[in-house]
Amino acid sequence: MADKIDLKKIHIADSSELRRRGLMEGTLKLIEDDIRSFGTGSQGEALLACKAGVIYALVKLFRPDRKKCRAHIEFVFTPDANADTQSGVVDEVLRYCFREEYYHKVTVICNHGNEGLERILTGAGFIQEAVLRDEVRLKNGFEDAGLFAMMSYEYPRYNICFVPFERGVAMVCGGADFVDSVSLFHYGQKIDDPFAFNIAAGLGLLDGNGCIARNDDGRYNLGKKQLAYLPEELAKAYTELREYFDSMRAGFDIRVRFSTGTTFQKKVWNALGTIPYGGTASYEDIALKLTDGNLKDARKITRAVGAACSDNPVAVIVPCHRVIGKDGSIVGYAAGIDIKDYLLLHESFTAVTPLISKEG
């Protein structure tokens, strides 16, 4: 397994190593002054990209405004940073920008003579946005450069899609290999997560108040070309959830990864998958599954089962909505009782009538 790229803030103590690795030039005092300017500047920051404790790149992030909507990235690599290392650095910096700092747009300038970096940028998902004339200074003049850009909704490693249904939308998060979150929102509800908000705003899915817009104009519909921009498993989840809400699918073939949760919670979430489409189970029923039918032990953990259902990170695909009260009452659902009631009615109706065929 390749060594992981780690990012760390630049410090004065790094000055001599930065000079030794060829990332900064000049006297130690000059390098230290440059580092201080990064540490105190409100318009950006400098990071070091390391692998197995060795520095391979200096990464400068420049913010043109206080809103942190956009960042311009400058990469300086050591002479021994090969293409795989450089690619790993670019990937980790994108993750940091989109998922930790919540930028919506990142840009990189690449001079036309740097074909290696250009290949790495396009391979990471950047799109050339413009040609900048006389952008790079050379010893004998100036050279044109390409301006490469990526929006948060174009990030290929991990992204979000929005699937509409009658009461609202399902917000699905995941990558090429797994889905790790499905949350249900009412139309008109605010999105608190800043990464998800940036994507929804960039895709035009918010109303004038910055809340989830209705699907009256089909704005959530994704065609094949748009799906191609999503990570593979996320695109698959969008398609299958659309089919589910359109009564064309009763089960899912989506790889799920629980990124959070205790061992007990994960046992509960796995047990939820045994409840059939159109069926229901009580919290005590799930507790009995986990205790091999021991009623006394099951009653001791029934409340904990309910709490785990409430914390289920992958709604619908992991069907916590099928768990109801022992008396048949519809209780406890993170997205709201009305959405739980809608999902149960949706499944109970199609469970007793033929599902619309995918061809039909």
Protein backbone atom coordinates (compact mmCIF):
# COMPACT_ATOMS: atom_id res chain seq x y z
CA MET A 1 0.00 0.00 0.00
CA ALA A 2 1.37 3.42 -0.96
CA ASP A 3 2.35 5.76 1.86
CA LYS A 4 -0.35 8.27 2.72
CA ILE A 5 0.19 11.95 1.98
CA ASP A 6 -0.11 14.08 5.12
CA LEU A 7 -0.59 17.85 5.16
CA LYS A 8 0.73 20.04 7.95
CA LYS A 9 0.96 23.77 8.57
CA ILE A 10 4.31 25.35 7.78
CA HIS A 11 6.46 26.46 10.75
CA ILE A 12 9.65 28.46 11.24
CA ALA A 13 11.40 25.28 12.36
CA ASP A 14 10.91 23.86 8.84
CA SER A 15 13.08 26.53 7.20
CA SER A 16 16.36 24.63 6.99
CA GLU A 17 14.64 21.44 5.73
CA LEU A 18 12.73 23.43 3.11
CA ARG A 19 15.98 24.87 1.81
CA ARG A 20 17.68 21.46 1.85
CA ARG A 21 14.79 19.90 -0.10
CA GLY A 22 14.91 22.67 -2.71
CA LEU A 23 11.47 24.09 -1.93
CA MET A 24 12.61 27.55 -0.83
CA GLU A 25 15.75 29.52 -1.72
CA GLY A 26 17.83 32.20 -0.02
CA THR A 27 19.25 32.69 3.44
CA LEU A 28 17.58 31.08 6.43
CA LYS A 29 16.51 34.54 7.60
CA LEU A 30 14.83 35.25 4.25
CA ILE A 31 13.05 31.86 4.31
CA GLU A 32 11.96 32.43 7.93
CA ASP A 33 10.56 35.86 6.98
CA ASP A 34 8.60 34.26 4.12
CA ILE A 35 7.20 31.62 6.49
CA ARG A 36 6.16 34.33 8.96
CA SER A 37 4.28 36.13 6.19
CA PHE A 38 2.31 32.95 5.49
CA GLY A 39 1.53 32.51 9.19
CA THR A 40 0.15 36.02 9.65
CA GLY A 41 -1.50 36.57 6.27
CA SER A 42 -5.30 36.61 6.26
CA GLN A 43 -5.39 35.96 2.52
CA GLY A 44 -3.97 32.45 2.52
CA GLU A 45 -1.88 29.75 4.13
CA ALA A 46 1.05 27.47 3.37
CA LEU A 47 1.09 23.71 3.90
CA LEU A 48 3.74 21.02 3.66
CA ALA A 49 2.86 17.73 1.97
CA CYS A 50 4.76 14.82 3.52
CA LYS A 51 5.00 11.11 2.88
CA ALA A 52 6.51 8.83 5.55
CA GLY A 53 7.75 11.97 7.33
CA VAL A 54 9.60 13.33 4.26
CA ILE A 55 8.56 16.68 2.75
CA TYR A 56 7.76 16.44 -0.97
CA ALA A 57 5.83 19.64 -1.67
CA LEU A 58 5.14 23.15 -0.51
CA VAL A 59 1.50 24.07 -1.12
CA LYS A 60 0.38 27.68 -1.06
CA LEU A 61 -3.34 28.47 -0.81
CA PHE A 62 -4.38 32.02 -1.66
CA ARG A 63 -7.85 33.31 -0.73
CA PRO A 64 -8.99 36.32 -2.79
CA ASP A 65 -11.74 37.28 -0.32
CA ARG A 66 -12.88 36.69 3.25
CA LYS A 67 -15.86 34.56 2.23
CA LYS A 68 -13.53 31.64 1.40
CA CYS A 69 -15.59 30.78 -1.64
CA ARG A 70 -12.51 30.27 -3.80
CA ALA A 71 -8.87 29.29 -3.33
CA HIS A 72 -5.96 29.52 -5.75
CA ILE A 73 -3.38 26.76 -5.27
CA GLU A 74 0.34 26.91 -6.04
CA PHE A 75 2.33 23.66 -5.91
CA VAL A 76 6.13 23.55 -5.46
CA PHE A 77 7.49 19.99 -5.64
CA THR A 78 10.89 18.63 -4.65
CA PRO A 79 13.09 17.27 -7.49
CA ASP A 80 12.52 13.69 -6.25
CA ALA A 81 8.72 13.94 -6.15
CA ASN A 82 7.68 11.49 -8.88
CA ALA A 83 4.37 11.59 -10.76
CA ASP A 84 2.62 9.25 -8.29
CA THR A 85 3.71 11.39 -5.33
CA GLN A 86 2.66 14.60 -7.07
CA SER A 87 -0.71 13.06 -7.92
CA GLY A 88 -1.16 12.00 -4.29
CA VAL A 89 -0.36 15.52 -3.11
CA VAL A 90 -2.92 17.05 -5.50
CA ASP A 91 -5.58 14.55 -4.34
CA GLU A 92 -4.96 15.29 -0.65
CA VAL A 93 -4.97 19.05 -1.17
CA LEU A 94 -8.31 18.80 -2.99
CA ARG A 95 -9.75 16.79 -0.12
CA TYR A 96 -8.51 19.43 2.32
CA CYS A 97 -9.90 22.32 0.26
CA PHE A 98 -13.36 20.86 -0.36
CA ARG A 99 -14.03 18.78 2.75
CA GLU A 100 -12.15 20.60 5.50
CA GLU A 101 -11.96 24.23 4.42
CA TYR A 102 -15.19 24.11 2.34
CA TYR A 103 -14.05 26.06 -0.69
CA HIS A 104 -16.46 25.89 -3.61
CA LYS A 105 -13.91 26.51 -6.36
CA VAL A 106 -10.17 25.87 -6.57
CA THR A 107 -7.84 27.01 -9.35
CA VAL A 108 -4.28 26.20 -10.41
CA ILE A 109 -2.10 27.95 -13.00
CA CYS A 110 0.06 25.62 -15.09
CA ASN A 111 2.54 27.02 -17.62
CA HIS A 112 2.43 25.36 -21.02
CA GLY A 113 5.86 23.81 -20.59
CA ASN A 114 4.84 21.81 -17.51
CA GLU A 115 3.09 18.92 -19.23
CA GLY A 116 3.56 16.59 -16.26
CA LEU A 117 1.56 18.81 -13.90
CA GLU A 118 -1.06 19.38 -16.60
CA ARG A 119 -1.59 15.60 -16.91
CA ILE A 120 -1.88 15.28 -13.14
CA LEU A 121 -4.42 18.11 -12.91
CA THR A 122 -6.62 16.76 -15.70
CA GLY A 123 -6.31 13.25 -14.24
CA ALA A 124 -7.53 14.61 -10.90
CA GLY A 125 -10.60 16.12 -12.57
CA PHE A 126 -9.52 19.71 -13.26
CA ILE A 127 -10.85 21.42 -16.38
CA GLN A 128 -8.89 24.09 -18.24
CA GLU A 129 -10.93 27.24 -17.87
CA ALA A 130 -8.81 29.78 -19.73
CA VAL A 131 -5.47 30.60 -21.31
CA LEU A 132 -3.64 33.41 -19.47
CA ARG A 133 -1.36 35.47 -21.72
CA ASP A 134 2.22 36.18 -20.53
CA GLU A 135 1.33 34.78 -17.10
CA VAL A 136 4.63 33.12 -16.15
CA ARG A 137 7.93 35.01 -15.98
CA LEU A 138 10.95 33.27 -17.51
CA LYS A 139 14.61 34.34 -17.64
CA ASN A 140 14.17 35.57 -21.20
CA GLY A 141 10.60 36.82 -21.11
CA PHE A 142 7.11 35.56 -20.36
CA GLU A 143 5.04 32.48 -21.19
CA ASP A 144 1.33 31.80 -21.50
CA ALA A 145 -0.28 29.50 -18.94
CA GLY A 146 -3.47 27.52 -18.52
CA LEU A 147 -5.91 28.29 -15.73
CA PHE A 148 -7.28 24.98 -14.43
CA ALA A 149 -10.36 24.91 -12.19
CA MET A 150 -12.56 22.51 -10.26
CA MET A 151 -15.90 23.15 -8.52
CA SER A 152 -16.99 21.29 -5.41
CA TYR A 153 -19.69 19.44 -7.38
CA GLU A 154 -16.99 18.21 -9.81
CA TYR A 155 -14.80 16.64 -7.11
CA PRO A 156 -14.39 13.03 -8.30
CA ARG A 157 -13.13 11.32 -5.13
CA TYR A 158 -16.15 12.01 -2.92
CA ASN A 159 -19.30 13.88 -3.73
CA ILE A 160 -23.02 14.37 -3.11
CA CYS A 161 -26.11 13.88 -5.24
CA PHE A 162 -29.71 14.82 -4.52
CA VAL A 163 -32.62 12.50 -5.32
CA PRO A 164 -36.13 14.02 -5.29
CA PHE A 165 -39.25 12.35 -3.95
CA GLU A 166 -42.76 13.52 -3.11
CA ARG A 167 -41.94 15.15 0.25
CA GLY A 168 -38.40 16.34 -0.36
CA VAL A 169 -34.98 15.07 -1.40
CA ALA A 170 -32.56 12.34 -0.35
CA MET A 171 -29.02 13.72 -0.01
CA VAL A 172 -26.57 10.91 -0.83
CA CYS A 173 -22.84 11.11 -0.06
CA GLY A 174 -20.18 8.72 -1.32
CA GLY A 175 -17.32 7.92 -3.65
CA ALA A 176 -16.31 5.45 -6.31
CA ASP A 177 -16.46 2.42 -3.99
CA PHE A 178 -19.13 3.13 -1.39
CA VAL A 179 -21.98 5.28 -0.11
CA ASP A 180 -21.68 6.32 3.52
CA SER A 181 -24.57 8.71 4.07
CA VAL A 182 -28.17 9.19 2.99
CA SER A 183 -30.13 11.98 4.69
CA LEU A 184 -33.71 13.01 3.94
CA PHE A 185 -34.73 16.66 3.75
CA HIS A 186 -38.08 18.37 3.39
CA TYR A 187 -38.46 20.91 0.61
CA GLY A 188 -37.75 24.32 2.12
CA GLN A 189 -35.31 22.93 4.70
CA LYS A 190 -31.83 24.37 5.20
CA ILE A 191 -28.65 22.33 4.66
CA ASP A 192 -26.24 22.86 7.55
CA ASP A 193 -23.26 20.91 6.20
CA PRO A 194 -21.08 23.46 4.33
CA PHE A 195 -19.70 20.96 1.78
CA ALA A 196 -23.23 19.82 0.89
CA PHE A 197 -24.47 23.43 0.84
CA ASN A 198 -21.75 24.43 -1.65
CA ILE A 199 -22.68 21.56 -3.97
CA ALA A 200 -26.42 22.24 -3.76
CA ALA A 201 -25.86 25.96 -4.37
CA GLY A 202 -23.50 25.30 -7.28
CA LEU A 203 -26.02 22.97 -8.90
CA GLY A 204 -28.86 25.48 -8.52
CA LEU A 205 -30.83 23.34 -6.05
CA LEU A 206 -31.53 26.08 -3.49
CA ASP A 207 -34.40 28.56 -3.43
CA GLY A 208 -34.15 32.29 -2.80
CA ASN A 209 -33.83 31.68 0.94
CA GLY A 210 -30.93 29.26 0.55
CA CYS A 211 -33.16 26.25 1.31
CA ILE A 212 -33.89 23.03 -0.58
CA ALA A 213 -35.89 23.99 -3.68
CA ARG A 214 -38.86 22.02 -4.95
CA ASN A 215 -38.52 19.81 -8.02
CA ASP A 216 -41.30 21.49 -9.97
CA ASP A 217 -38.97 22.25 -12.88
CA GLY A 218 -37.12 18.93 -12.83
CA ARG A 219 -33.92 20.56 -11.59
CA TYR A 220 -32.84 17.37 -9.79
CA ASN A 221 -33.00 15.21 -12.90
CA LEU A 222 -29.57 13.96 -14.02
CA GLY A 223 -28.90 12.60 -17.50
CA LYS A 224 -26.17 10.15 -18.49
CA LYS A 225 -23.67 12.92 -19.17
CA GLN A 226 -24.23 14.47 -15.73
CA LEU A 227 -24.10 11.08 -14.00
CA ALA A 228 -20.70 10.48 -15.60
CA TYR A 229 -19.24 13.27 -13.45
CA LEU A 230 -20.27 11.52 -10.22
CA PRO A 231 -18.10 8.87 -8.54
CA GLU A 232 -19.23 5.43 -9.75
CA GLU A 233 -21.02 4.11 -6.65
CA LEU A 234 -22.65 7.49 -6.01
CA ALA A 235 -24.01 7.58 -9.57
CA LYS A 236 -25.34 4.06 -9.03
CA ALA A 237 -27.05 5.16 -5.81
CA TYR A 238 -28.71 8.09 -7.60
CA THR A 239 -30.11 5.77 -10.27
CA GLU A 240 -31.34 3.11 -7.85
CA LEU A 241 -32.94 5.60 -5.45
CA ARG A 242 -34.75 7.26 -8.36
CA GLU A 243 -36.05 3.82 -9.34
CA TYR A 244 -37.08 3.14 -5.72
CA PHE A 245 -39.08 6.36 -5.43
CA ASP A 246 -40.60 5.73 -8.88
CA SER A 247 -41.81 2.26 -7.74
CA MET A 248 -39.40 0.50 -10.09
CA ARG A 249 -37.19 -1.08 -7.44
CA ALA A 250 -37.76 -2.95 -4.16
CA GLY A 251 -34.13 -3.52 -3.15
CA PHE A 252 -30.69 -2.01 -3.56
CA ASP A 253 -27.38 -3.20 -4.94
CA ILE A 254 -25.31 -0.42 -3.43
CA ARG A 255 -22.11 -0.86 -1.43
CA VAL A 256 -22.49 0.86 1.95
CA ARG A 257 -19.68 1.79 4.33
CA PHE A 258 -20.40 2.87 7.90
CA SER A 259 -17.80 5.59 8.48
CA THR A 260 -19.04 6.18 12.03
CA GLY A 261 -20.81 4.16 14.70
CA THR A 262 -20.04 1.78 17.54
CA THR A 263 -19.85 -1.98 17.14
CA PHE A 264 -23.37 -2.28 18.63
CA GLN A 265 -24.80 0.36 16.30
CA LYS A 266 -23.35 -1.38 13.25
CA LYS A 267 -24.92 -4.67 14.38
CA VAL A 268 -28.30 -2.91 14.57
CA TRP A 269 -27.86 -1.28 11.15
CA ASN A 270 -26.92 -4.61 9.59
CA ALA A 271 -29.95 -6.24 11.20
CA LEU A 272 -32.24 -3.62 9.64
CA GLY A 273 -31.38 -4.99 6.23
CA THR A 274 -33.23 -8.23 7.05
CA ILE A 275 -36.61 -6.45 7.19
CA PRO A 276 -38.25 -7.11 3.81
CA TYR A 277 -39.59 -4.45 1.47
CA GLY A 278 -43.18 -3.65 2.45
CA GLY A 279 -42.71 -5.21 5.90
CA THR A 280 -42.10 -3.79 9.35
CA ALA A 281 -40.51 -4.88 12.63
CA SER A 282 -40.59 -3.54 16.16
CA TYR A 283 -37.54 -2.37 18.08
CA GLU A 284 -37.97 -5.45 20.26
CA ASP A 285 -37.95 -7.65 17.14
CA ILE A 286 -34.54 -6.25 16.20
CA ALA A 287 -33.32 -6.68 19.76
CA LEU A 288 -34.41 -10.35 19.65
CA LYS A 289 -32.34 -10.85 16.48
CA LEU A 290 -29.30 -9.49 18.26
CA THR A 291 -29.81 -11.69 21.36
CA ASP A 292 -30.61 -14.93 19.51
CA GLY A 293 -34.23 -14.80 20.64
CA ASN A 294 -33.53 -14.24 24.36
CA LEU A 295 -36.52 -12.09 25.37
CA LYS A 296 -35.06 -11.06 28.73
CA ASP A 297 -31.82 -9.83 27.16
CA ALA A 298 -33.70 -8.29 24.24
CA ARG A 299 -35.80 -6.10 26.51
CA LYS A 300 -32.62 -4.77 28.13
CA ILE A 301 -31.32 -3.42 24.82
CA THR A 302 -34.57 -2.36 23.12
CA ARG A 303 -34.06 1.30 24.02
CA ALA A 304 -30.49 1.17 22.71
CA VAL A 305 -31.79 -0.36 19.47
CA GLY A 306 -34.14 2.61 19.08
CA ALA A 307 -31.28 5.05 19.64
CA ALA A 308 -29.15 3.22 17.05
CA CYS A 309 -32.00 3.38 14.52
CA SER A 310 -32.22 7.12 15.11
CA ASP A 311 -28.49 7.44 14.40
CA ASN A 312 -28.60 5.38 11.19
CA PRO A 313 -26.39 7.32 8.72
CA VAL A 314 -27.73 5.65 5.56
CA ALA A 315 -31.48 6.21 5.45
CA VAL A 316 -33.73 4.24 3.04
CA ILE A 317 -30.93 1.95 1.82
CA VAL A 318 -30.53 0.80 5.43
CA PRO A 319 -34.30 0.74 6.15
CA CYS A 320 -34.69 2.08 9.68
CA HIS A 321 -38.05 3.51 8.53
CA ARG A 322 -39.42 -0.06 8.66
CA VAL A 323 -38.98 -0.20 12.44
CA ILE A 324 -42.13 0.82 14.31
CA GLY A 325 -43.49 0.68 17.83
CA LYS A 326 -44.56 -2.65 19.31
CA ASP A 327 -48.18 -1.47 19.19
CA GLY A 328 -47.86 -0.60 15.50
CA SER A 329 -47.41 3.13 16.04
CA ILE A 330 -45.11 5.08 13.76
CA VAL A 331 -42.56 6.66 16.07
CA GLY A 332 -39.06 8.03 15.98
CA TYR A 333 -37.55 9.09 12.67
CA ALA A 334 -34.71 11.58 12.20
CA ALA A 335 -36.21 13.08 9.03
CA GLY A 336 -39.67 13.46 10.59
CA ILE A 337 -42.65 11.19 11.20
CA ASP A 338 -44.38 12.42 8.04
CA ILE A 339 -41.52 11.18 5.84
CA LYS A 340 -41.42 7.86 7.69
CA ASP A 341 -45.17 7.50 7.12
CA TYR A 342 -44.68 8.36 3.42
CA LEU A 343 -41.96 5.70 2.98
CA LEU A 344 -44.06 3.01 4.67
CA LEU A 345 -47.13 3.85 2.58
CA HIS A 346 -45.01 3.96 -0.59
CA GLU A 347 -43.66 0.46 0.11
CA SER A 348 -46.92 -1.04 1.35
CA PHE A 349 -48.71 0.03 -1.81
CA THR A 350 -46.10 -1.27 -4.26
CA ALA A 351 -45.56 -4.43 -2.20
CA VAL A 352 -49.07 -5.63 -3.02
CA THR A 353 -49.11 -4.39 -6.63
CA PRO A 354 -46.61 -5.28 -9.33
CA LEU A 355 -43.61 -2.98 -9.51
CA ILE A 356 -43.39 -1.07 -12.76
CA SER A 357 -40.88 -2.87 -14.93
CA LYS A 358 -37.66 -1.05 -15.77
CA GLU A 359 -38.51 -1.48 -19.43
CA GLY A 360 -42.02 -0.18 -19.05
